[in-house]
Amino acid sequence: MTLSRSALVFFFLSTAAQAESTDWMVRTARMEGAAANIEETAAALKETAARVHASQRLSGVAELVSDAAELNRRVLAAGLTANVLDKSR
């Protein structure tokens, strides 16, 4: 009976460790995704800024403001994701 109890304890401990590890991996993947989103949005903002500059017209400023606002949203979302990741340690 001792063997079965120790096997059962090992099973529960390994299952709990896997669940904790999986949570950490999910949170880390979310942070990586948030960083990738920031990078993509920053690249789009850079392209828009270059287009506005090349055209030498103010007609693209609204798109530039929209891209900047999107980058701001992504940075804020990444900050929240980082806070969750930090609290989970």
PDB file of N, CA and C in Angstrom:
ATOM      1  N   MET A   1       0.818  -1.197   0.000  1.00  0.00           N
ATOM      2  CA  MET A   1       0.000   0.000   0.000  1.00  0.00           C
ATOM      3  C   MET A   1       0.863   1.262   0.000  1.00  0.00           C
ATOM      4  N   THR A   2       2.045   1.210   0.552  1.00  0.00           N
ATOM      5  CA  THR A   2       2.939   2.356   0.576  1.00  0.00           C
ATOM      6  C   THR A   2       3.354   2.748  -0.835  1.00  0.00           C
ATOM      7  N   LEU A   3       3.606   1.775  -1.661  1.00  0.00           N
ATOM      8  CA  LEU A   3       3.993   2.045  -3.038  1.00  0.00           C
ATOM      9  C   LEU A   3       2.875   2.769  -3.780  1.00  0.00           C
ATOM     10  N   SER A   4       1.659   2.330  -3.611  1.00  0.00           N
ATOM     11  CA  SER A   4       0.558   2.977  -4.320  1.00  0.00           C
ATOM     12  C   SER A   4       0.324   4.400  -3.807  1.00  0.00           C
ATOM     13  N   ARG A   5       0.514   4.627  -2.514  1.00  0.00           N
ATOM     14  CA  ARG A   5       0.366   5.995  -1.983  1.00  0.00           C
ATOM     15  C   ARG A   5       1.451   6.897  -2.545  1.00  0.00           C
ATOM     16  N   SER A   6       2.674   6.423  -2.560  1.00  0.00           N
ATOM     17  CA  SER A   6       3.758   7.257  -3.075  1.00  0.00           C
ATOM     18  C   SER A   6       3.583   7.497  -4.578  1.00  0.00           C
ATOM     19  N   ALA A   7       3.089   6.484  -5.277  1.00  0.00           N
ATOM     20  CA  ALA A   7       2.826   6.671  -6.704  1.00  0.00           C
ATOM     21  C   ALA A   7       1.724   7.699  -6.909  1.00  0.00           C
ATOM     22  N   LEU A   8       0.707   7.639  -6.085  1.00  0.00           N
ATOM     23  CA  LEU A   8      -0.397   8.589  -6.172  1.00  0.00           C
ATOM     24  C   LEU A   8       0.077  10.007  -5.847  1.00  0.00           C
ATOM     25  N   VAL A   9       0.898  10.153  -4.820  1.00  0.00           N
ATOM     26  CA  VAL A   9       1.447  11.466  -4.461  1.00  0.00           C
ATOM     27  C   VAL A   9       2.311  11.990  -5.590  1.00  0.00           C
ATOM     28  N   PHE A  10       3.146  11.125  -6.154  1.00  0.00           N
ATOM     29  CA  PHE A  10       3.990  11.538  -7.279  1.00  0.00           C
ATOM     30  C   PHE A  10       3.132  11.999  -8.451  1.00  0.00           C
ATOM     31  N   PHE A  11       2.068  11.257  -8.738  1.00  0.00           N
ATOM     32  CA  PHE A  11       1.180  11.626  -9.837  1.00  0.00           C
ATOM     33  C   PHE A  11       0.576  13.005  -9.612  1.00  0.00           C
ATOM     34  N   PHE A  12       0.058  13.263  -8.412  1.00  0.00           N
ATOM     35  CA  PHE A  12      -0.561  14.558  -8.127  1.00  0.00           C
ATOM     36  C   PHE A  12       0.459  15.681  -8.149  1.00  0.00           C
ATOM     37  N   LEU A  13       1.637  15.435  -7.614  1.00  0.00           N
ATOM     38  CA  LEU A  13       2.678  16.464  -7.622  1.00  0.00           C
ATOM     39  C   LEU A  13       3.137  16.765  -9.041  1.00  0.00           C
ATOM     40  N   SER A  14       3.318  15.732  -9.850  1.00  0.00           N
ATOM     41  CA  SER A  14       3.753  15.970 -11.224  1.00  0.00           C
ATOM     42  C   SER A  14       2.654  16.654 -12.033  1.00  0.00           C
ATOM     43  N   THR A  15       1.401  16.302 -11.773  1.00  0.00           N
ATOM     44  CA  THR A  15       0.285  16.955 -12.467  1.00  0.00           C
ATOM     45  C   THR A  15       0.207  18.428 -12.086  1.00  0.00           C
ATOM     46  N   ALA A  16       0.374  18.727 -10.802  1.00  0.00           N
ATOM     47  CA  ALA A  16       0.354  20.119 -10.341  1.00  0.00           C
ATOM     48  C   ALA A  16       1.524  20.890 -10.937  1.00  0.00           C
ATOM     49  N   ALA A  17       2.698  20.268 -10.998  1.00  0.00           N
ATOM     50  CA  ALA A  17       3.865  20.930 -11.575  1.00  0.00           C
ATOM     51  C   ALA A  17       3.656  21.188 -13.062  1.00  0.00           C
ATOM     52  N   GLN A  18       3.048  20.238 -13.763  1.00  0.00           N
ATOM     53  CA  GLN A  18       2.777  20.430 -15.184  1.00  0.00           C
ATOM     54  C   GLN A  18       1.774  21.555 -15.405  1.00  0.00           C
ATOM     55  N   ALA A  19       0.756  21.625 -14.566  1.00  0.00           N
ATOM     56  CA  ALA A  19      -0.246  22.691 -14.700  1.00  0.00           C
ATOM     57  C   ALA A  19       0.395  24.043 -14.447  1.00  0.00           C
ATOM     58  N   GLU A  20       1.254  24.122 -13.438  1.00  0.00           N
ATOM     59  CA  GLU A  20       1.936  25.378 -13.130  1.00  0.00           C
ATOM     60  C   GLU A  20       2.877  25.746 -14.266  1.00  0.00           C
ATOM     61  N   SER A  21       3.581  24.753 -14.786  1.00  0.00           N
ATOM     62  CA  SER A  21       4.493  24.975 -15.904  1.00  0.00           C
ATOM     63  C   SER A  21       3.723  25.423 -17.139  1.00  0.00           C
ATOM     64  N   THR A  22       2.580  24.816 -17.394  1.00  0.00           N
ATOM     65  CA  THR A  22       1.759  25.176 -18.545  1.00  0.00           C
ATOM     66  C   THR A  22       1.246  26.606 -18.405  1.00  0.00           C
ATOM     67  N   ASP A  23       0.813  26.991 -17.207  1.00  0.00           N
ATOM     68  CA  ASP A  23       0.366  28.371 -16.978  1.00  0.00           C
ATOM     69  C   ASP A  23       1.489  29.354 -17.275  1.00  0.00           C
ATOM     70  N   TRP A  24       2.679  29.022 -16.794  1.00  0.00           N
ATOM     71  CA  TRP A  24       3.823  29.899 -17.028  1.00  0.00           C
ATOM     72  C   TRP A  24       4.127  29.998 -18.526  1.00  0.00           C
ATOM     73  N   MET A  25       4.060  28.878 -19.213  1.00  0.00           N
ATOM     74  CA  MET A  25       4.337  28.875 -20.650  1.00  0.00           C
ATOM     75  C   MET A  25       3.295  29.694 -21.407  1.00  0.00           C
ATOM     76  N   VAL A  26       2.042  29.600 -20.998  1.00  0.00           N
ATOM     77  CA  VAL A  26       0.983  30.381 -21.648  1.00  0.00           C
ATOM     78  C   VAL A  26       1.207  31.868 -21.413  1.00  0.00           C
ATOM     79  N   ARG A  27       1.535  32.234 -20.181  1.00  0.00           N
ATOM     80  CA  ARG A  27       1.772  33.646 -19.879  1.00  0.00           C
ATOM     81  C   ARG A  27       2.987  34.180 -20.631  1.00  0.00           C
ATOM     82  N   THR A  28       4.035  33.367 -20.713  1.00  0.00           N
ATOM     83  CA  THR A  28       5.232  33.775 -21.446  1.00  0.00           C
ATOM     84  C   THR A  28       4.923  33.926 -22.937  1.00  0.00           C
ATOM     85  N   ALA A  29       4.141  33.013 -23.477  1.00  0.00           N
ATOM     86  CA  ALA A  29       3.755  33.104 -24.893  1.00  0.00           C
ATOM     87  C   ALA A  29       2.922  34.355 -25.146  1.00  0.00           C
ATOM     88  N   ARG A  30       2.063  34.695 -24.207  1.00  0.00           N
ATOM     89  CA  ARG A  30       1.270  35.928 -24.358  1.00  0.00           C
ATOM     90  C   ARG A  30       2.173  37.154 -24.373  1.00  0.00           C
ATOM     91  N   MET A  31       3.210  37.147 -23.522  1.00  0.00           N
ATOM     92  CA  MET A  31       4.136  38.270 -23.489  1.00  0.00           C
ATOM     93  C   MET A  31       4.911  38.356 -24.799  1.00  0.00           C
ATOM     94  N   GLU A  32       5.328  37.212 -25.317  1.00  0.00           N
ATOM     95  CA  GLU A  32       6.022  37.199 -26.607  1.00  0.00           C
ATOM     96  C   GLU A  32       5.108  37.698 -27.714  1.00  0.00           C
ATOM     97  N   GLY A  33       3.853  37.308 -27.667  1.00  0.00           N
ATOM     98  CA  GLY A  33       2.884  37.781 -28.653  1.00  0.00           C
ATOM     99  C   GLY A  33       2.664  39.281 -28.556  1.00  0.00           C
ATOM    100  N   ALA A  34       2.605  39.780 -27.334  1.00  0.00           N
ATOM    101  CA  ALA A  34       2.435  41.228 -27.142  1.00  0.00           C
ATOM    102  C   ALA A  34       3.639  41.986 -27.687  1.00  0.00           C
ATOM    103  N   ALA A  35       4.828  41.449 -27.476  1.00  0.00           N
ATOM    104  CA  ALA A  35       6.035  42.092 -28.006  1.00  0.00           C
ATOM    105  C   ALA A  35       6.033  42.083 -29.535  1.00  0.00           C
ATOM    106  N   ALA A  36       5.607  40.983 -30.120  1.00  0.00           N
ATOM    107  CA  ALA A  36       5.526  40.895 -31.581  1.00  0.00           C
ATOM    108  C   ALA A  36       4.495  41.881 -32.122  1.00  0.00           C
ATOM    109  N   ASN A  37       3.371  42.027 -31.421  1.00  0.00           N
ATOM    110  CA  ASN A  37       2.347  42.997 -31.840  1.00  0.00           C
ATOM    111  C   ASN A  37       2.894  44.412 -31.820  1.00  0.00           C
ATOM    112  N   ILE A  38       3.664  44.731 -30.794  1.00  0.00           N
ATOM    113  CA  ILE A  38       4.265  46.066 -30.712  1.00  0.00           C
ATOM    114  C   ILE A  38       5.211  46.284 -31.881  1.00  0.00           C
ATOM    115  N   GLU A  39       6.016  45.279 -32.167  1.00  0.00           N
ATOM    116  CA  GLU A  39       6.978  45.394 -33.264  1.00  0.00           C
ATOM    117  C   GLU A  39       6.262  45.610 -34.602  1.00  0.00           C
ATOM    118  N   GLU A  40       5.215  44.852 -34.858  1.00  0.00           N
ATOM    119  CA  GLU A  40       4.463  44.994 -36.109  1.00  0.00           C
ATOM    120  C   GLU A  40       3.793  46.362 -36.210  1.00  0.00           C
ATOM    121  N   THR A  41       3.215  46.805 -35.103  1.00  0.00           N
ATOM    122  CA  THR A  41       2.520  48.090 -35.101  1.00  0.00           C
ATOM    123  C   THR A  41       3.506  49.240 -35.268  1.00  0.00           C
ATOM    124  N   ALA A  42       4.672  49.124 -34.642  1.00  0.00           N
ATOM    125  CA  ALA A  42       5.702  50.159 -34.790  1.00  0.00           C
ATOM    126  C   ALA A  42       6.202  50.215 -36.233  1.00  0.00           C
ATOM    127  N   ALA A  43       6.339  49.059 -36.863  1.00  0.00           N
ATOM    128  CA  ALA A  43       6.761  49.031 -38.269  1.00  0.00           C
ATOM    129  C   ALA A  43       5.708  49.690 -39.166  1.00  0.00           C
ATOM    130  N   ALA A  44       4.437  49.420 -38.882  1.00  0.00           N
ATOM    131  CA  ALA A  44       3.360  50.050 -39.659  1.00  0.00           C
ATOM    132  C   ALA A  44       3.358  51.560 -39.463  1.00  0.00           C
ATOM    133  N   LEU A  45       3.600  51.998 -38.240  1.00  0.00           N
ATOM    134  CA  LEU A  45       3.668  53.438 -37.954  1.00  0.00           C
ATOM    135  C   LEU A  45       4.841  54.068 -38.706  1.00  0.00           C
ATOM    136  N   LYS A  46       5.960  53.387 -38.731  1.00  0.00           N
ATOM    137  CA  LYS A  46       7.138  53.892 -39.453  1.00  0.00           C
ATOM    138  C   LYS A  46       6.850  54.016 -40.945  1.00  0.00           C
ATOM    139  N   GLU A  47       6.184  53.018 -41.519  1.00  0.00           N
ATOM    140  CA  GLU A  47       5.830  53.070 -42.939  1.00  0.00           C
ATOM    141  C   GLU A  47       4.872  54.216 -43.233  1.00  0.00           C
ATOM    142  N   THR A  48       3.901  54.390 -42.364  1.00  0.00           N
ATOM    143  CA  THR A  48       2.944  55.491 -42.546  1.00  0.00           C
ATOM    144  C   THR A  48       3.647  56.831 -42.463  1.00  0.00           C
ATOM    145  N   ALA A  49       4.547  56.973 -41.505  1.00  0.00           N
ATOM    146  CA  ALA A  49       5.299  58.229 -41.359  1.00  0.00           C
ATOM    147  C   ALA A  49       6.154  58.498 -42.596  1.00  0.00           C
ATOM    148  N   ALA A  50       6.767  57.453 -43.130  1.00  0.00           N
ATOM    149  CA  ALA A  50       7.574  57.628 -44.341  1.00  0.00           C
ATOM    150  C   ALA A  50       6.706  58.034 -45.524  1.00  0.00           C
ATOM    151  N   ARG A  51       5.510  57.430 -45.637  1.00  0.00           N
ATOM    152  CA  ARG A  51       4.586  57.793 -46.723  1.00  0.00           C
ATOM    153  C   ARG A  51       4.124  59.242 -46.601  1.00  0.00           C
ATOM    154  N   VAL A  52       3.797  59.654 -45.387  1.00  0.00           N
ATOM    155  CA  VAL A  52       3.347  61.032 -45.177  1.00  0.00           C
ATOM    156  C   VAL A  52       4.480  61.996 -45.506  1.00  0.00           C
ATOM    157  N   HIS A  53       5.664  61.659 -45.090  1.00  0.00           N
ATOM    158  CA  HIS A  53       6.825  62.517 -45.366  1.00  0.00           C
ATOM    159  C   HIS A  53       7.105  62.581 -46.868  1.00  0.00           C
ATOM    160  N   ALA A  54       7.048  61.435 -47.532  1.00  0.00           N
ATOM    161  CA  ALA A  54       7.329  61.402 -48.968  1.00  0.00           C
ATOM    162  C   ALA A  54       6.289  62.188 -49.777  1.00  0.00           C
ATOM    163  N   SER A  55       5.039  62.136 -49.342  1.00  0.00           N
ATOM    164  CA  SER A  55       3.986  62.845 -50.076  1.00  0.00           C
ATOM    165  C   SER A  55       4.024  64.343 -49.811  1.00  0.00           C
ATOM    166  N   GLN A  56       4.620  64.738 -48.727  1.00  0.00           N
ATOM    167  CA  GLN A  56       4.702  66.146 -48.307  1.00  0.00           C
ATOM    168  C   GLN A  56       3.326  66.801 -48.244  1.00  0.00           C
ATOM    169  N   ARG A  57       2.350  65.996 -47.850  1.00  0.00           N
ATOM    170  CA  ARG A  57       0.985  66.497 -47.673  1.00  0.00           C
ATOM    171  C   ARG A  57       0.496  66.071 -46.300  1.00  0.00           C
ATOM    172  N   LEU A  58      -0.400  66.843 -45.775  1.00  0.00           N
ATOM    173  CA  LEU A  58      -0.937  66.546 -44.453  1.00  0.00           C
ATOM    174  C   LEU A  58      -2.123  65.591 -44.492  1.00  0.00           C
ATOM    175  N   SER A  59      -2.482  65.123 -45.662  1.00  0.00           N
ATOM    176  CA  SER A  59      -3.654  64.256 -45.770  1.00  0.00           C
ATOM    177  C   SER A  59      -3.459  62.915 -45.063  1.00  0.00           C
ATOM    178  N   GLY A  60      -2.233  62.491 -44.846  1.00  0.00           N
ATOM    179  CA  GLY A  60      -1.969  61.220 -44.187  1.00  0.00           C
ATOM    180  C   GLY A  60      -1.797  61.319 -42.689  1.00  0.00           C
ATOM    181  N   VAL A  61      -1.952  62.523 -42.149  1.00  0.00           N
ATOM    182  CA  VAL A  61      -1.741  62.706 -40.714  1.00  0.00           C
ATOM    183  C   VAL A  61      -2.784  61.944 -39.897  1.00  0.00           C
ATOM    184  N   ALA A  62      -4.007  61.887 -40.369  1.00  0.00           N
ATOM    185  CA  ALA A  62      -5.042  61.148 -39.635  1.00  0.00           C
ATOM    186  C   ALA A  62      -4.662  59.674 -39.506  1.00  0.00           C
ATOM    187  N   GLU A  63      -4.144  59.092 -40.580  1.00  0.00           N
ATOM    188  CA  GLU A  63      -3.691  57.702 -40.521  1.00  0.00           C
ATOM    189  C   GLU A  63      -2.502  57.560 -39.576  1.00  0.00           C
ATOM    190  N   LEU A  64      -1.632  58.543 -39.577  1.00  0.00           N
ATOM    191  CA  LEU A  64      -0.482  58.532 -38.688  1.00  0.00           C
ATOM    192  C   LEU A  64      -0.923  58.584 -37.221  1.00  0.00           C
ATOM    193  N   VAL A  65      -1.892  59.422 -36.928  1.00  0.00           N
ATOM    194  CA  VAL A  65      -2.429  59.517 -35.565  1.00  0.00           C
ATOM    195  C   VAL A  65      -3.100  58.209 -35.165  1.00  0.00           C
ATOM    196  N   SER A  66      -3.822  57.619 -36.091  1.00  0.00           N
ATOM    197  CA  SER A  66      -4.478  56.339 -35.816  1.00  0.00           C
ATOM    198  C   SER A  66      -3.447  55.244 -35.534  1.00  0.00           C
ATOM    199  N   ASP A  67      -2.383  55.191 -36.320  1.00  0.00           N
ATOM    200  CA  ASP A  67      -1.330  54.198 -36.099  1.00  0.00           C
ATOM    201  C   ASP A  67      -0.632  54.427 -34.755  1.00  0.00           C
ATOM    202  N   ALA A  68      -0.417  55.688 -34.391  1.00  0.00           N
ATOM    203  CA  ALA A  68       0.216  55.994 -33.112  1.00  0.00           C
ATOM    204  C   ALA A  68      -0.682  55.575 -31.941  1.00  0.00           C
ATOM    205  N   ALA A  69      -1.984  55.790 -32.093  1.00  0.00           N
ATOM    206  CA  ALA A  69      -2.929  55.383 -31.047  1.00  0.00           C
ATOM    207  C   ALA A  69      -2.956  53.857 -30.912  1.00  0.00           C
ATOM    208  N   GLU A  70      -2.887  53.170 -32.034  1.00  0.00           N
ATOM    209  CA  GLU A  70      -2.848  51.699 -32.012  1.00  0.00           C
ATOM    210  C   GLU A  70      -1.576  51.208 -31.319  1.00  0.00           C
ATOM    211  N   LEU A  71      -0.455  51.849 -31.598  1.00  0.00           N
ATOM    212  CA  LEU A  71       0.799  51.476 -30.929  1.00  0.00           C
ATOM    213  C   LEU A  71       0.685  51.708 -29.425  1.00  0.00           C
ATOM    214  N   ASN A  72       0.069  52.812 -29.047  1.00  0.00           N
ATOM    215  CA  ASN A  72      -0.127  53.095 -27.624  1.00  0.00           C
ATOM    216  C   ASN A  72      -0.982  52.018 -26.962  1.00  0.00           C
ATOM    217  N   ARG A  73      -2.064  51.604 -27.626  1.00  0.00           N
ATOM    218  CA  ARG A  73      -2.915  50.532 -27.081  1.00  0.00           C
ATOM    219  C   ARG A  73      -2.134  49.234 -26.912  1.00  0.00           C
ATOM    220  N   ARG A  74      -1.309  48.928 -27.899  1.00  0.00           N
ATOM    221  CA  ARG A  74      -0.524  47.684 -27.836  1.00  0.00           C
ATOM    222  C   ARG A  74       0.503  47.732 -26.705  1.00  0.00           C
ATOM    223  N   VAL A  75       1.110  48.887 -26.507  1.00  0.00           N
ATOM    224  CA  VAL A  75       2.089  49.030 -25.422  1.00  0.00           C
ATOM    225  C   VAL A  75       1.398  48.890 -24.065  1.00  0.00           C
ATOM    226  N   LEU A  76       0.230  49.501 -23.926  1.00  0.00           N
ATOM    227  CA  LEU A  76      -0.520  49.368 -22.674  1.00  0.00           C
ATOM    228  C   LEU A  76      -0.919  47.910 -22.427  1.00  0.00           C
ATOM    229  N   ALA A  77      -1.359  47.223 -23.468  1.00  0.00           N
ATOM    230  CA  ALA A  77      -1.734  45.816 -23.335  1.00  0.00           C
ATOM    231  C   ALA A  77      -0.524  44.969 -22.947  1.00  0.00           C
ATOM    232  N   ALA A  78       0.621  45.259 -23.517  1.00  0.00           N
ATOM    233  CA  ALA A  78       1.838  44.524 -23.171  1.00  0.00           C
ATOM    234  C   ALA A  78       2.235  44.790 -21.726  1.00  0.00           C
ATOM    235  N   GLY A  79       2.018  46.016 -21.267  1.00  0.00           N
ATOM    236  CA  GLY A  79       2.296  46.335 -19.869  1.00  0.00           C
ATOM    237  C   GLY A  79       1.416  45.540 -18.923  1.00  0.00           C
ATOM    238  N   LEU A  80       0.143  45.415 -19.265  1.00  0.00           N
ATOM    239  CA  LEU A  80      -0.759  44.604 -18.445  1.00  0.00           C
ATOM    240  C   LEU A  80      -0.344  43.134 -18.464  1.00  0.00           C
ATOM    241  N   THR A  81       0.053  42.650 -19.627  1.00  0.00           N
ATOM    242  CA  THR A  81       0.520  41.270 -19.737  1.00  0.00           C
ATOM    243  C   THR A  81       1.765  41.055 -18.902  1.00  0.00           C
ATOM    244  N   ALA A  82       2.672  42.030 -18.914  1.00  0.00           N
ATOM    245  CA  ALA A  82       3.899  41.929 -18.111  1.00  0.00           C
ATOM    246  C   ALA A  82       3.570  41.922 -16.625  1.00  0.00           C
ATOM    247  N   ASN A  83       2.588  42.709 -16.216  1.00  0.00           N
ATOM    248  CA  ASN A  83       2.188  42.717 -14.809  1.00  0.00           C
ATOM    249  C   ASN A  83       1.652  41.355 -14.375  1.00  0.00           C
ATOM    250  N   VAL A  84       0.838  40.745 -15.220  1.00  0.00           N
ATOM    251  CA  VAL A  84       0.296  39.414 -14.905  1.00  0.00           C
ATOM    252  C   VAL A  84       1.427  38.399 -14.830  1.00  0.00           C
ATOM    253  N   LEU A  85       2.350  38.485 -15.764  1.00  0.00           N
ATOM    254  CA  LEU A  85       3.488  37.573 -15.778  1.00  0.00           C
ATOM    255  C   LEU A  85       4.349  37.750 -14.537  1.00  0.00           C
ATOM    256  N   ASP A  86       4.548  38.992 -14.134  1.00  0.00           N
ATOM    257  CA  ASP A  86       5.372  39.293 -12.956  1.00  0.00           C
ATOM    258  C   ASP A  86       4.694  38.785 -11.671  1.00  0.00           C
ATOM    259  N   LYS A  87       3.379  38.937 -11.575  1.00  0.00           N
ATOM    260  CA  LYS A  87       2.655  38.501 -10.375  1.00  0.00           C
ATOM    261  C   LYS A  87       2.578  36.987 -10.269  1.00  0.00           C
ATOM    262  N   SER A  88       2.736  36.289 -11.403  1.00  0.00           N
ATOM    263  CA  SER A  88       2.617  34.844 -11.384  1.00  0.00           C
ATOM    264  C   SER A  88       3.894  34.149 -10.931  1.00  0.00           C
ATOM    265  N   ARG A  89       4.965  34.900 -10.748  1.00  0.00           N
ATOM    266  CA  ARG A  89       6.227  34.279 -10.312  1.00  0.00           C
ATOM    267  C   ARG A  89       6.191  33.904  -8.887  1.00  0.00           C
TER     268      ARG A  89
END
